[in-house]
Amino acid sequence: MDHPQSFQEARESVARFELLSLAAETDIQREAVQKELQRAKEALHSAFLTSSPAEQDQLMHMQEHLSNMSELDL
């Protein structure tokens, strides 16, 4: 059963994105933020496919949060 790990990986990727985006000061750091954003989006998508309805609801909230944070960073 792989989905609990996928869900956890998605949560961790979103958290990494949050931390990186809050700390980014240089162009290289901002580039790392963009790469982590892409990883987080992919992880959320992958986890969504194998998650329970309750987990899917949480994943959708994480996706909204990612979108909001990435808009603020622009």
C-alpha atoms as a PDB file:
ATOM      1  CA  MET A   1       0.000   0.000   0.000  1.00  0.00           C
ATOM      2  CA  ASP A   2       1.884   3.022  -1.310  1.00  0.00           C
ATOM      3  CA  HIS A   3      -0.623   5.830  -0.855  1.00  0.00           C
ATOM      4  CA  PRO A   4       0.185   6.804   2.760  1.00  0.00           C
ATOM      5  CA  GLN A   5       3.784   7.384   1.675  1.00  0.00           C
ATOM      6  CA  SER A   6       2.654   9.410  -1.374  1.00  0.00           C
ATOM      7  CA  PHE A   7       0.418  11.548   0.830  1.00  0.00           C
ATOM      8  CA  GLN A   8       3.244  12.125   3.316  1.00  0.00           C
ATOM      9  CA  GLU A   9       5.687  12.962   0.512  1.00  0.00           C
ATOM     10  CA  ALA A  10       3.246  15.538  -0.840  1.00  0.00           C
ATOM     11  CA  ARG A  11       2.885  17.133   2.599  1.00  0.00           C
ATOM     12  CA  GLU A  12       6.660  17.246   3.026  1.00  0.00           C
ATOM     13  CA  SER A  13       7.184  18.775  -0.411  1.00  0.00           C
ATOM     14  CA  VAL A  14       4.628  21.502   0.304  1.00  0.00           C
ATOM     15  CA  ALA A  15       6.366  22.220   3.620  1.00  0.00           C
ATOM     16  CA  ARG A  16       9.778  22.439   1.886  1.00  0.00           C
ATOM     17  CA  PHE A  17       8.310  24.860  -0.637  1.00  0.00           C
ATOM     18  CA  GLU A  18       6.924  27.020   2.171  1.00  0.00           C
ATOM     19  CA  LEU A  19      10.245  27.143   4.003  1.00  0.00           C
ATOM     20  CA  LEU A  20      12.282  27.815   0.889  1.00  0.00           C
ATOM     21  CA  SER A  21       9.924  30.540  -0.313  1.00  0.00           C
ATOM     22  CA  LEU A  22      10.014  32.317   3.036  1.00  0.00           C
ATOM     23  CA  ALA A  23      13.823  32.241   3.187  1.00  0.00           C
ATOM     24  CA  ALA A  24      14.672  32.933  -0.478  1.00  0.00           C
ATOM     25  CA  GLU A  25      16.767  36.039  -0.923  1.00  0.00           C
ATOM     26  CA  THR A  26      19.019  35.337  -3.908  1.00  0.00           C
ATOM     27  CA  ASP A  27      18.255  34.381  -7.496  1.00  0.00           C
ATOM     28  CA  ILE A  28      19.651  30.885  -6.897  1.00  0.00           C
ATOM     29  CA  GLN A  29      17.387  30.455  -3.874  1.00  0.00           C
ATOM     30  CA  ARG A  30      14.376  31.682  -5.856  1.00  0.00           C
ATOM     31  CA  GLU A  31      15.236  29.169  -8.563  1.00  0.00           C
ATOM     32  CA  ALA A  32      15.243  26.432  -5.910  1.00  0.00           C
ATOM     33  CA  VAL A  33      11.808  27.645  -4.788  1.00  0.00           C
ATOM     34  CA  GLN A  34      10.463  27.275  -8.334  1.00  0.00           C
ATOM     35  CA  LYS A  35      11.899  23.765  -8.622  1.00  0.00           C
ATOM     36  CA  GLU A  36      10.351  22.774  -5.302  1.00  0.00           C
ATOM     37  CA  LEU A  37       7.042  24.280  -6.406  1.00  0.00           C
ATOM     38  CA  GLN A  38       7.060  21.982  -9.437  1.00  0.00           C
ATOM     39  CA  ARG A  39       7.998  18.988  -7.265  1.00  0.00           C
ATOM     40  CA  ALA A  40       5.215  19.819  -4.818  1.00  0.00           C
ATOM     41  CA  LYS A  41       2.638  20.088  -7.615  1.00  0.00           C
ATOM     42  CA  GLU A  42       3.739  16.732  -9.025  1.00  0.00           C
ATOM     43  CA  ALA A  43       3.690  15.121  -5.571  1.00  0.00           C
ATOM     44  CA  LEU A  44       0.188  16.441  -4.896  1.00  0.00           C
ATOM     45  CA  HIS A  45      -1.058  15.124  -8.212  1.00  0.00           C
ATOM     46  CA  SER A  46       0.520  11.710  -7.660  1.00  0.00           C
ATOM     47  CA  ALA A  47      -0.829  11.430  -4.116  1.00  0.00           C
ATOM     48  CA  PHE A  48      -4.314  12.511  -5.193  1.00  0.00           C
ATOM     49  CA  LEU A  49      -4.638   9.531  -7.501  1.00  0.00           C
ATOM     50  CA  THR A  50      -4.182   7.028  -4.672  1.00  0.00           C
ATOM     51  CA  SER A  51      -5.649   8.874  -1.674  1.00  0.00           C
ATOM     52  CA  SER A  52      -8.824   8.470   0.301  1.00  0.00           C
ATOM     53  CA  PRO A  53     -11.557  11.115  -0.064  1.00  0.00           C
ATOM     54  CA  ALA A  54     -10.489  12.763   3.212  1.00  0.00           C
ATOM     55  CA  GLU A  55      -6.867  12.887   2.059  1.00  0.00           C
ATOM     56  CA  GLN A  56      -7.954  14.243  -1.312  1.00  0.00           C
ATOM     57  CA  ASP A  57      -9.731  17.079   0.475  1.00  0.00           C
ATOM     58  CA  GLN A  58      -6.530  17.915   2.363  1.00  0.00           C
ATOM     59  CA  LEU A  59      -4.506  17.696  -0.851  1.00  0.00           C
ATOM     60  CA  MET A  60      -6.869  20.135  -2.552  1.00  0.00           C
ATOM     61  CA  HIS A  61      -6.346  22.597   0.312  1.00  0.00           C
ATOM     62  CA  MET A  62      -2.584  22.164  -0.024  1.00  0.00           C
ATOM     63  CA  GLN A  63      -2.868  22.869  -3.769  1.00  0.00           C
ATOM     64  CA  GLU A  64      -4.811  26.058  -3.063  1.00  0.00           C
ATOM     65  CA  HIS A  65      -2.196  27.063  -0.514  1.00  0.00           C
ATOM     66  CA  LEU A  66       0.594  26.454  -3.042  1.00  0.00           C
ATOM     67  CA  SER A  67      -1.216  28.575  -5.608  1.00  0.00           C
ATOM     68  CA  ASN A  68      -1.726  31.407  -3.135  1.00  0.00           C
ATOM     69  CA  MET A  69       1.903  31.360  -2.013  1.00  0.00           C
ATOM     70  CA  SER A  70       3.261  31.229  -5.547  1.00  0.00           C
ATOM     71  CA  GLU A  71       1.087  34.206  -6.530  1.00  0.00           C
ATOM     72  CA  LEU A  72       2.466  36.208  -3.605  1.00  0.00           C
ATOM     73  CA  ASP A  73       6.004  35.411  -4.665  1.00  0.00           C
ATOM     74  CA  LEU A  74       5.495  36.808  -8.181  1.00  0.00           C
END
